[in-house]
Amino acid sequence: MERFSKEIEAFIKDFVGQLANGTGAIFAGAGMSRGAGYVDWNELLRDIAQELGLDLQLEHDLIAVAQYHYNLKKGPAGLVRKIIEEFSHQAEETESHRILARLPIPTWWTTNYDNLIEKALERAYRIADVKFNVDQLSNTRPRRDAVVYKMHGDASDPKKAILYKSQYEQYHKTHEGFITALRGDLVTKTFLFIGFSFNDPNLDYVLSRLPAEPSREHYCFVRKVVAEKGELEASVNYRTRREKLRNDDLHRYGITALEVDEYSDIPRILTAIEECYRMKTVFISGSAHEFGDWTMQEAQALLHRLSAALVRNGYRVITGFGWGVGSAVINGALETIYREPAKYSEDQLVMRPFPQFASNGEDLPIMWDKYRRRMISLAGTAIFLFGNKLTDGNVVKAGGVRAEYDIARELGVVPLPLAVTGFVAADLADDVLANVDGVYGQREWVAESIKELGAAGKDSDKLIGIILKFMERIGK
């Protein structure tokens, strides 16, 4: 994993923990959508300011500028039209949107009017419950994966958007439900504020709604001060000092400012978060009509104990119900979870049985490929065992296990085949040993781990110990 500053490394570790606990949240500002081609408030109000005879470079309260235009026109028609014009075109979500949408973030807040968050969640096969007016707060979308609070409205209904100063001033009355929900989330979740700058007209309004005595630590990204072309050193020093004072002031709200050299660094940090989180998720691939040198009891005991050990060590286990393998994996995980429900969670087991017949006009092999990709994309590592099936009365190597290995490689999931279980797993072990650098990067120790697994024979204790050690080292 790429290395960052100590402050950002500490943030990544904390936020990954919050994701595992279901307490990570996002608050998205205009900067997050700007990379997709949408405008920020300066661009949104440029024509309106010109109509008023104002220079936006000299104006610091852009919400007030919107209010001046409202006063002049005796209504919000101009601003509404501007929103329709600027947000009617279709835009692709940014890399940051896509990374965050793949993570198990249940709570999203935004001051943006666009639908990029919803699109990114849909692309990640997650169901979003979107709320952009007060009436929607009391409704719950079935089987939702994430709630998206669009506290200033949505481009699909611009007449109800929060646009000008008097609306902001009355927000605590007109949108009390949003304030109540936001306060509750700020107390129970850890937020990452992304896409905000200290020039964002919404930031002060957002901060003013934070609890007076924050009980949790939150984070935001800020760009380090860089000298403009021809700027005097004294000016750079002044701006640096001012930014430090502003960043320090955020501690009043429980927000830690994380400095980045460029805003383009943010997707790299989010990628590191995703990699760290995924490395705590293990996909167990395998199928077995026969068990080779193993008896059925020995093989199922290994699978049972392996999944139990993974759960005890804080990993999440994914299984696709492989024949002869899936049941033992499920039993081992569930036994551990139910034995100590206060310590372990049902979320540590993800069960994804494969579709058994074609539907929606798609052939079964195409459905299986999509299904495998969705399932494997959740993991950081994949353990491969056995790999055979019964075809026309004959036991043959399972092409599905090989396909899952290929998909894992394609998606950047770290494979760990157990050669001692034979069949496809043994073939995969030969493949990775022949190309250790290509599969695992510059990790010379991996080859030794795979050889140790082969030498451990059918000793379940040794095998599981080697696997856990491998998981710990590969996750660093």
Protein backbone atom coordinates (compact mmCIF):
# COMPACT_ATOMS: atom_id res chain seq x y z
CA MET A 1 0.00 0.00 0.00
CA GLU A 2 1.19 3.51 -0.79
CA ARG A 3 2.66 5.44 2.12
CA PHE A 4 1.35 8.80 3.29
CA SER A 5 2.03 11.25 6.12
CA LYS A 6 1.63 9.99 9.70
CA GLU A 7 -1.58 12.01 10.07
CA ILE A 8 -3.15 10.52 6.95
CA GLU A 9 -1.95 7.00 7.83
CA ALA A 10 -3.66 7.37 11.23
CA PHE A 11 -6.82 8.63 9.53
CA ILE A 12 -6.86 5.67 7.10
CA LYS A 13 -6.55 3.21 9.98
CA ASP A 14 -9.30 4.91 11.98
CA PHE A 15 -11.71 5.27 9.05
CA VAL A 16 -11.24 1.64 8.01
CA GLY A 17 -12.20 0.70 11.57
CA GLN A 18 -15.26 2.93 11.35
CA LEU A 19 -16.27 1.22 8.10
CA ALA A 20 -15.95 -2.18 9.74
CA ASN A 21 -18.20 -0.97 12.56
CA GLY A 22 -20.74 0.56 10.19
CA THR A 23 -20.08 4.06 11.54
CA GLY A 24 -18.27 5.68 8.61
CA ALA A 25 -20.11 8.55 6.90
CA ILE A 26 -19.49 11.02 4.07
CA PHE A 27 -20.36 14.71 3.80
CA ALA A 28 -19.84 15.80 0.19
CA GLY A 29 -19.40 19.39 -0.93
CA ALA A 30 -19.28 21.06 -4.32
CA GLY A 31 -15.62 20.19 -4.88
CA MET A 32 -16.44 16.50 -5.08
CA SER A 33 -18.68 17.07 -8.10
CA ARG A 34 -16.52 19.66 -9.80
CA GLY A 35 -14.23 16.97 -11.18
CA ALA A 36 -17.24 15.55 -13.03
CA GLY A 37 -17.80 18.83 -14.86
CA TYR A 38 -20.43 20.38 -12.60
CA VAL A 39 -20.06 23.94 -11.37
CA ASP A 40 -19.27 25.21 -7.89
CA TRP A 41 -20.96 28.25 -6.37
CA ASN A 42 -18.55 30.73 -7.95
CA GLU A 43 -19.34 29.41 -11.41
CA LEU A 44 -23.05 29.04 -10.65
CA LEU A 45 -23.32 32.72 -9.70
CA ARG A 46 -20.93 34.25 -12.24
CA ASP A 47 -23.58 35.40 -14.71
CA ILE A 48 -25.92 36.43 -11.90
CA ALA A 49 -23.19 38.55 -10.29
CA GLN A 50 -22.50 40.25 -13.59
CA GLU A 51 -26.19 41.04 -13.91
CA LEU A 52 -26.00 42.66 -10.48
CA GLY A 53 -22.85 44.56 -11.39
CA LEU A 54 -20.79 42.71 -8.78
CA ASP A 55 -17.35 41.13 -8.95
CA LEU A 56 -17.30 37.68 -7.32
CA GLN A 57 -13.60 38.05 -6.57
CA LEU A 58 -14.53 40.87 -4.21
CA GLU A 59 -17.51 39.07 -2.66
CA HIS A 60 -17.07 36.64 0.22
CA ASP A 61 -20.70 35.89 1.04
CA LEU A 62 -21.98 34.22 -2.11
CA ILE A 63 -25.25 33.27 -0.45
CA ALA A 64 -25.87 36.99 -0.01
CA VAL A 65 -25.21 37.53 -3.72
CA ALA A 66 -27.92 34.95 -4.47
CA GLN A 67 -30.23 36.86 -2.11
CA TYR A 68 -29.53 40.17 -3.92
CA HIS A 69 -30.57 38.58 -7.18
CA TYR A 70 -33.72 37.17 -5.57
CA ASN A 71 -34.55 40.66 -4.27
CA LEU A 72 -33.95 42.23 -7.66
CA LYS A 73 -36.06 39.71 -9.57
CA LYS A 74 -38.73 39.43 -6.87
CA GLY A 75 -38.28 35.66 -6.84
CA PRO A 76 -35.89 32.75 -7.48
CA ALA A 77 -36.69 32.23 -11.18
CA GLY A 78 -33.18 33.13 -12.37
CA LEU A 79 -31.46 30.85 -9.92
CA VAL A 80 -33.87 28.01 -10.65
CA ARG A 81 -33.24 28.37 -14.37
CA LYS A 82 -29.49 28.41 -13.74
CA ILE A 83 -29.67 25.15 -11.78
CA ILE A 84 -31.70 23.52 -14.54
CA GLU A 85 -29.17 24.66 -17.14
CA GLU A 86 -26.07 23.64 -15.22
CA PHE A 87 -27.25 20.29 -13.88
CA SER A 88 -29.41 19.03 -16.74
CA HIS A 89 -26.45 17.56 -18.64
CA GLN A 90 -25.40 14.03 -17.82
CA ALA A 91 -22.01 13.65 -16.17
CA GLU A 92 -19.96 10.63 -15.17
CA GLU A 93 -19.20 10.28 -11.48
CA THR A 94 -15.59 10.88 -10.42
CA GLU A 95 -13.11 8.28 -9.25
CA SER A 96 -13.71 9.45 -5.68
CA HIS A 97 -17.45 8.82 -6.09
CA ARG A 98 -16.83 5.32 -7.41
CA ILE A 99 -14.36 4.34 -4.68
CA LEU A 100 -16.56 5.59 -1.86
CA ALA A 101 -19.67 3.95 -3.34
CA ARG A 102 -17.95 0.56 -3.24
CA LEU A 103 -17.29 0.93 0.48
CA PRO A 104 -19.94 -0.01 3.09
CA ILE A 105 -20.82 3.59 3.91
CA PRO A 106 -24.43 3.66 5.13
CA THR A 107 -24.80 7.43 5.55
CA TRP A 108 -24.19 10.19 3.01
CA TRP A 109 -24.86 13.89 3.39
CA THR A 110 -24.38 16.45 0.65
CA THR A 111 -25.07 20.08 -0.15
CA ASN A 112 -24.86 19.29 -3.87
CA TYR A 113 -27.86 19.31 -6.21
CA ASP A 114 -26.53 16.68 -8.68
CA ASN A 115 -27.18 12.93 -8.66
CA LEU A 116 -23.59 11.67 -8.87
CA ILE A 117 -23.69 9.95 -5.48
CA GLU A 118 -26.84 8.05 -6.40
CA LYS A 119 -25.37 7.02 -9.77
CA ALA A 120 -22.16 5.80 -8.16
CA LEU A 121 -24.09 3.75 -5.60
CA GLU A 122 -26.22 2.21 -8.33
CA ARG A 123 -23.11 1.31 -10.32
CA ALA A 124 -21.79 -0.41 -7.17
CA TYR A 125 -25.05 -2.43 -6.93
CA ARG A 126 -26.14 -0.60 -3.79
CA ILE A 127 -29.66 0.66 -3.17
CA ALA A 128 -29.80 4.34 -2.21
CA ASP A 129 -32.63 5.87 -0.20
CA VAL A 130 -32.48 9.50 -1.35
CA LYS A 131 -34.05 12.28 0.69
CA PHE A 132 -34.09 15.86 -0.55
CA ASN A 133 -37.24 17.24 1.04
CA VAL A 134 -38.68 17.00 4.53
CA ASP A 135 -41.60 14.76 3.53
CA GLN A 136 -39.20 12.03 2.41
CA LEU A 137 -37.57 11.72 5.84
CA SER A 138 -40.42 9.62 7.22
CA ASN A 139 -40.29 7.11 4.35
CA THR A 140 -37.86 4.19 4.23
CA ARG A 141 -36.94 2.52 0.97
CA PRO A 142 -37.02 -1.29 1.28
CA ARG A 143 -33.67 -3.13 1.25
CA ARG A 144 -31.70 0.09 1.20
CA ASP A 145 -27.91 -0.02 1.53
CA ALA A 146 -27.33 3.70 2.02
CA VAL A 147 -29.25 6.83 2.93
CA VAL A 148 -28.38 9.95 0.94
CA TYR A 149 -29.47 13.22 2.56
CA LYS A 150 -29.46 16.08 0.04
CA MET A 151 -29.98 18.82 2.56
CA HIS A 152 -30.16 21.68 0.05
CA GLY A 153 -32.38 19.95 -2.47
CA ASP A 154 -32.09 18.20 -5.80
CA ALA A 155 -31.72 19.40 -9.38
CA SER A 156 -34.83 17.41 -10.29
CA ASP A 157 -36.91 19.79 -8.15
CA PRO A 158 -35.02 23.13 -8.33
CA LYS A 159 -37.97 25.23 -7.12
CA LYS A 160 -37.55 23.67 -3.67
CA ALA A 161 -33.75 23.99 -3.58
CA ILE A 162 -32.06 26.04 -0.83
CA LEU A 163 -30.44 28.87 -2.76
CA TYR A 164 -30.47 32.27 -1.13
CA LYS A 165 -29.74 33.77 2.26
CA SER A 166 -33.22 34.04 3.72
CA GLN A 167 -33.73 30.32 3.03
CA TYR A 168 -30.55 29.49 4.94
CA GLU A 169 -31.61 31.72 7.80
CA GLN A 170 -34.95 29.94 8.09
CA TYR A 171 -33.54 26.46 7.48
CA HIS A 172 -33.78 25.48 11.15
CA LYS A 173 -37.54 26.01 10.90
CA THR A 174 -38.32 24.81 7.39
CA HIS A 175 -35.98 21.79 7.49
CA GLU A 176 -35.90 20.90 11.16
CA GLY A 177 -36.03 17.19 10.36
CA PHE A 178 -32.76 17.40 8.41
CA ILE A 179 -31.05 19.23 11.26
CA THR A 180 -32.23 16.64 13.76
CA ALA A 181 -31.02 13.77 11.56
CA LEU A 182 -27.68 15.48 10.92
CA ARG A 183 -27.08 16.13 14.61
CA GLY A 184 -27.84 12.50 15.38
CA ASP A 185 -25.45 11.23 12.72
CA LEU A 186 -22.68 13.58 13.86
CA VAL A 187 -22.93 12.11 17.34
CA THR A 188 -23.02 8.44 16.29
CA LYS A 189 -20.82 8.37 13.16
CA THR A 190 -17.40 9.52 12.01
CA PHE A 191 -17.66 11.84 9.00
CA LEU A 192 -15.23 12.51 6.21
CA PHE A 193 -15.94 15.98 4.80
CA ILE A 194 -14.82 15.89 1.19
CA GLY A 195 -15.09 18.52 -1.52
CA PHE A 196 -15.32 21.48 0.85
CA SER A 197 -13.03 24.49 0.90
CA PHE A 198 -12.91 27.45 3.22
CA ASN A 199 -14.36 29.54 0.41
CA ASP A 200 -17.38 27.27 0.08
CA PRO A 201 -20.47 29.31 1.02
CA ASN A 202 -22.13 26.25 2.50
CA LEU A 203 -19.36 25.34 4.91
CA ASP A 204 -20.20 27.87 7.61
CA TYR A 205 -23.84 26.86 7.49
CA VAL A 206 -22.90 23.20 7.86
CA LEU A 207 -20.51 23.85 10.74
CA SER A 208 -23.08 25.97 12.53
CA ARG A 209 -25.26 22.87 12.81
CA LEU A 210 -22.60 20.74 14.48
CA PRO A 211 -23.07 19.96 18.18
CA ALA A 212 -21.48 22.53 20.49
CA GLU A 213 -19.40 19.81 22.18
CA PRO A 214 -18.57 17.18 19.53
CA SER A 215 -18.34 13.65 20.88
CA ARG A 216 -16.59 12.13 17.85
CA GLU A 217 -13.64 12.97 15.67
CA HIS A 218 -14.39 13.88 12.05
CA TYR A 219 -12.03 14.58 9.16
CA CYS A 220 -11.73 16.86 6.15
CA PHE A 221 -9.20 17.30 3.36
CA VAL A 222 -7.51 20.68 2.86
CA ARG A 223 -4.95 21.63 0.25
CA LYS A 224 -1.61 22.94 1.40
CA VAL A 225 -0.87 26.54 0.53
CA VAL A 226 1.27 26.82 -2.60
CA ALA A 227 2.87 29.94 -4.00
CA GLU A 228 1.13 31.48 -6.98
CA LYS A 229 3.19 32.55 -9.95
CA GLY A 230 5.03 35.75 -9.02
CA GLU A 231 3.63 35.79 -5.46
CA LEU A 232 5.86 37.37 -2.82
CA GLU A 233 7.17 35.18 -0.02
CA ALA A 234 5.52 37.40 2.60
CA SER A 235 2.12 36.80 0.96
CA VAL A 236 2.66 33.03 0.92
CA ASN A 237 3.66 33.07 4.58
CA TYR A 238 0.58 35.10 5.47
CA ARG A 239 -1.78 32.73 3.67
CA THR A 240 -0.06 29.72 5.27
CA ARG A 241 -0.48 31.22 8.74
CA ARG A 242 -4.13 32.02 8.06
CA GLU A 243 -4.84 28.49 6.80
CA LYS A 244 -3.21 26.99 9.89
CA LEU A 245 -5.41 29.12 12.13
CA ARG A 246 -8.49 28.05 10.16
CA ASN A 247 -7.50 24.39 10.32
CA ASP A 248 -6.88 24.62 14.06
CA ASP A 249 -10.27 26.29 14.51
CA LEU A 250 -11.97 23.22 13.01
CA HIS A 251 -11.11 21.34 16.20
CA ARG A 252 -13.96 23.27 17.83
CA TYR A 253 -16.26 21.11 15.77
CA GLY A 254 -14.31 17.90 16.25
CA ILE A 255 -12.90 18.08 12.71
CA THR A 256 -9.28 17.20 11.99
CA ALA A 257 -7.90 18.83 8.83
CA LEU A 258 -5.80 16.50 6.68
CA GLU A 259 -3.41 18.37 4.42
CA VAL A 260 -2.82 17.16 0.86
CA ASP A 261 -0.37 18.58 -1.66
CA GLU A 262 -2.95 18.47 -4.44
CA TYR A 263 -6.64 17.60 -4.55
CA SER A 264 -5.64 14.84 -6.97
CA ASP A 265 -4.06 13.10 -3.96
CA ILE A 266 -7.52 12.43 -2.49
CA PRO A 267 -8.47 9.51 -4.79
CA ARG A 268 -5.14 7.88 -3.89
CA ILE A 269 -5.97 8.15 -0.19
CA LEU A 270 -9.46 6.77 -0.78
CA THR A 271 -7.94 3.90 -2.76
CA ALA A 272 -5.71 3.10 0.21
CA ILE A 273 -8.80 3.06 2.46
CA GLU A 274 -10.54 0.66 0.08
CA GLU A 275 -7.50 -1.60 -0.11
CA CYS A 276 -7.14 -1.70 3.68
CA TYR A 277 -10.83 -2.45 4.16
CA ARG A 278 -10.93 -5.13 1.48
CA MET A 279 -7.89 -6.87 2.99
CA LYS A 280 -10.08 -7.66 6.00
CA THR A 281 -12.47 -9.54 3.70
CA VAL A 282 -11.68 -13.07 2.51
CA PHE A 283 -13.35 -14.91 -0.34
CA ILE A 284 -13.20 -18.70 0.03
CA SER A 285 -13.37 -20.40 -3.35
CA GLY A 286 -13.68 -24.11 -3.88
CA SER A 287 -15.88 -27.05 -4.79
CA ALA A 288 -15.46 -30.71 -4.05
CA HIS A 289 -17.35 -33.79 -5.12
CA GLU A 290 -14.29 -35.75 -4.00
CA PHE A 291 -11.57 -34.73 -1.53
CA GLY A 292 -8.51 -36.52 -2.90
CA ASP A 293 -6.13 -37.48 -0.08
CA TRP A 294 -8.55 -36.05 2.46
CA THR A 295 -11.56 -37.76 3.92
CA MET A 296 -14.76 -35.77 3.82
CA GLN A 297 -14.61 -35.35 7.60
CA GLU A 298 -11.00 -34.06 7.49
CA ALA A 299 -11.76 -31.60 4.69
CA GLN A 300 -14.90 -30.22 6.29
CA ALA A 301 -13.14 -29.92 9.65
CA LEU A 302 -10.42 -27.83 7.98
CA LEU A 303 -12.99 -25.58 6.28
CA HIS A 304 -15.03 -25.27 9.47
CA ARG A 305 -12.02 -24.34 11.60
CA LEU A 306 -10.56 -22.02 8.96
CA SER A 307 -13.67 -19.87 8.64
CA ALA A 308 -14.06 -19.82 12.43
CA ALA A 309 -10.46 -18.66 12.84
CA LEU A 310 -10.92 -15.92 10.25
CA VAL A 311 -13.98 -14.58 12.05
CA ARG A 312 -12.18 -14.68 15.42
CA ASN A 313 -9.35 -12.65 13.91
CA GLY A 314 -11.68 -9.91 12.70
CA TYR A 315 -12.04 -10.94 9.05
CA ARG A 316 -15.23 -11.03 7.01
CA VAL A 317 -15.77 -14.29 5.12
CA ILE A 318 -17.48 -14.54 1.71
CA THR A 319 -18.69 -17.83 0.28
CA GLY A 320 -20.59 -18.73 -2.85
CA PHE A 321 -21.88 -22.03 -1.45
CA GLY A 322 -19.39 -24.14 -3.44
CA TRP A 323 -20.44 -27.81 -3.54
CA GLY A 324 -18.85 -29.74 -0.66
CA VAL A 325 -17.16 -26.58 0.64
CA GLY A 326 -19.69 -23.83 1.31
CA SER A 327 -21.68 -25.55 4.06
CA ALA A 328 -18.61 -26.16 6.22
CA VAL A 329 -17.44 -22.58 5.74
CA ILE A 330 -20.85 -21.26 6.75
CA ASN A 331 -21.12 -23.52 9.79
CA GLY A 332 -17.70 -22.57 11.09
CA ALA A 333 -18.36 -18.86 10.81
CA LEU A 334 -21.89 -19.00 12.24
CA GLU A 335 -20.87 -21.19 15.18
CA THR A 336 -18.24 -18.61 16.16
CA ILE A 337 -20.56 -15.65 15.66
CA TYR A 338 -23.45 -17.14 17.64
CA ARG A 339 -21.21 -18.37 20.43
CA GLU A 340 -20.12 -14.77 21.17
CA PRO A 341 -22.65 -12.44 19.48
CA ALA A 342 -21.46 -9.46 21.51
CA LYS A 343 -17.95 -9.89 20.08
CA TYR A 344 -18.61 -11.03 16.53
CA SER A 345 -21.19 -9.90 13.99
CA GLU A 346 -23.35 -11.64 11.40
CA ASP A 347 -21.94 -9.07 8.96
CA GLN A 348 -18.70 -11.08 9.10
CA LEU A 349 -20.32 -13.75 6.95
CA VAL A 350 -21.50 -12.99 3.41
CA MET A 351 -23.34 -15.84 1.70
CA ARG A 352 -24.01 -15.61 -2.04
CA PRO A 353 -25.60 -18.74 -3.53
CA PHE A 354 -25.33 -18.89 -7.30
CA PRO A 355 -28.37 -18.47 -9.60
CA GLN A 356 -29.64 -21.85 -10.73
CA PHE A 357 -31.54 -20.90 -13.90
CA ALA A 358 -31.42 -18.21 -16.56
CA SER A 359 -33.57 -15.10 -16.19
CA ASN A 360 -34.04 -11.63 -17.69
CA GLY A 361 -32.91 -12.92 -21.06
CA GLU A 362 -29.36 -13.70 -19.87
CA ASP A 363 -27.70 -17.08 -20.25
CA LEU A 364 -26.62 -18.77 -17.03
CA PRO A 365 -22.84 -18.56 -17.75
CA ILE A 366 -23.14 -14.78 -18.25
CA MET A 367 -25.09 -14.45 -15.01
CA TRP A 368 -22.49 -16.53 -13.17
CA ASP A 369 -19.66 -14.34 -14.44
CA LYS A 370 -21.40 -11.15 -13.28
CA TYR A 371 -22.24 -12.78 -9.99
CA ARG A 372 -18.66 -13.89 -9.41
CA ARG A 373 -17.34 -10.42 -10.20
CA ARG A 374 -19.69 -8.72 -7.76
CA MET A 375 -18.85 -11.22 -5.03
CA ILE A 376 -15.07 -11.28 -5.50
CA SER A 377 -14.87 -7.48 -5.82
CA LEU A 378 -15.80 -7.25 -2.13
CA ALA A 379 -12.68 -9.13 -1.04
CA GLY A 380 -9.02 -8.31 -0.67
CA THR A 381 -7.81 -11.90 -0.56
CA ALA A 382 -9.13 -15.17 -1.95
CA ILE A 383 -8.34 -18.65 -0.60
CA PHE A 384 -8.65 -21.53 -3.09
CA LEU A 385 -9.26 -25.11 -1.98
CA PHE A 386 -9.88 -28.38 -3.85
CA GLY A 387 -11.73 -27.51 -7.09
CA ASN A 388 -13.47 -30.45 -8.70
CA LYS A 389 -16.98 -31.38 -9.80
CA LEU A 390 -18.97 -34.29 -11.19
CA THR A 391 -19.63 -34.14 -14.95
CA ASP A 392 -21.32 -37.01 -16.82
CA GLY A 393 -20.46 -39.36 -13.96
CA ASN A 394 -16.77 -38.37 -13.95
CA VAL A 395 -14.89 -36.19 -11.44
CA VAL A 396 -13.19 -33.34 -13.32
CA LYS A 397 -11.41 -30.17 -12.35
CA ALA A 398 -13.84 -27.32 -11.71
CA GLY A 399 -13.60 -24.60 -14.33
CA GLY A 400 -15.57 -22.28 -12.05
CA VAL A 401 -12.78 -22.24 -9.45
CA ARG A 402 -10.26 -21.40 -12.17
CA ALA A 403 -12.58 -18.65 -13.41
CA GLU A 404 -12.78 -17.22 -9.90
CA TYR A 405 -8.98 -17.17 -9.73
CA ASP A 406 -8.78 -15.28 -13.05
CA ILE A 407 -11.37 -12.76 -11.88
CA ALA A 408 -9.53 -12.31 -8.58
CA ARG A 409 -6.31 -11.54 -10.45
CA GLU A 410 -8.13 -9.12 -12.74
CA LEU A 411 -9.69 -7.27 -9.78
CA GLY A 412 -6.45 -7.07 -7.81
CA VAL A 413 -7.57 -9.59 -5.19
CA VAL A 414 -4.61 -11.46 -3.62
CA PRO A 415 -4.92 -15.23 -4.25
CA LEU A 416 -3.81 -17.92 -1.81
CA PRO A 417 -4.19 -21.46 -3.22
CA LEU A 418 -3.79 -24.46 -0.91
CA ALA A 419 -1.90 -26.99 -3.02
CA VAL A 420 -2.31 -29.65 -0.35
CA THR A 421 -6.03 -29.88 -1.16
CA GLY A 422 -5.23 -30.93 -4.74
CA PHE A 423 -7.19 -30.49 -7.97
CA VAL A 424 -7.49 -26.88 -9.27
CA ALA A 425 -6.00 -25.48 -6.06
CA ALA A 426 -2.80 -27.43 -6.70
CA ASP A 427 -2.62 -26.13 -10.28
CA LEU A 428 -3.09 -22.57 -9.04
CA ALA A 429 -0.30 -23.00 -6.49
CA ASP A 430 2.04 -24.05 -9.31
CA ASP A 431 0.95 -21.00 -11.33
CA VAL A 432 1.63 -18.46 -8.58
CA LEU A 433 4.98 -20.05 -7.63
CA ALA A 434 6.05 -19.72 -11.26
CA ASN A 435 5.20 -16.00 -11.24
CA VAL A 436 5.48 -14.76 -7.65
CA ASP A 437 6.53 -11.20 -8.56
CA GLY A 438 3.79 -10.89 -11.16
CA VAL A 439 1.09 -12.09 -8.78
CA TYR A 440 2.24 -10.65 -5.46
CA GLY A 441 4.62 -7.84 -6.36
CA GLN A 442 7.92 -7.47 -4.53
CA ARG A 443 7.07 -9.85 -1.70
CA GLU A 444 9.75 -12.53 -1.63
CA TRP A 445 8.28 -14.08 1.51
CA VAL A 446 5.10 -15.17 -0.30
CA ALA A 447 6.77 -18.06 -2.11
CA GLU A 448 8.01 -19.39 1.21
CA SER A 449 4.51 -19.17 2.69
CA ILE A 450 3.01 -21.15 -0.18
CA LYS A 451 5.74 -23.79 0.18
CA GLU A 452 5.06 -23.96 3.92
CA LEU A 453 1.39 -24.61 3.15
CA GLY A 454 2.42 -27.49 0.91
CA ALA A 455 4.75 -28.91 3.56
CA ALA A 456 2.11 -28.71 6.31
CA GLY A 457 0.24 -31.64 4.80
CA LYS A 458 -3.14 -32.23 6.40
CA ASP A 459 -2.24 -30.63 9.73
CA SER A 460 -5.14 -28.18 10.09
CA ASP A 461 -3.50 -26.26 12.93
CA LYS A 462 -0.37 -25.59 10.88
CA LEU A 463 -2.33 -24.73 7.74
CA ILE A 464 -4.58 -22.23 9.54
CA GLY A 465 -1.61 -20.70 11.37
CA ILE A 466 0.26 -20.15 8.10
CA ILE A 467 -2.86 -18.69 6.46
CA LEU A 468 -3.45 -16.23 9.31
CA LYS A 469 0.19 -15.17 9.26
CA PHE A 470 -0.04 -14.69 5.49
CA MET A 471 -3.20 -12.60 5.87
CA GLU A 472 -1.59 -10.38 8.48
CA ARG A 473 1.55 -9.75 6.43
CA ILE A 474 -0.20 -9.22 3.09
CA GLY A 475 -2.50 -6.64 4.70
CA LYS A 476 0.35 -4.39 5.79
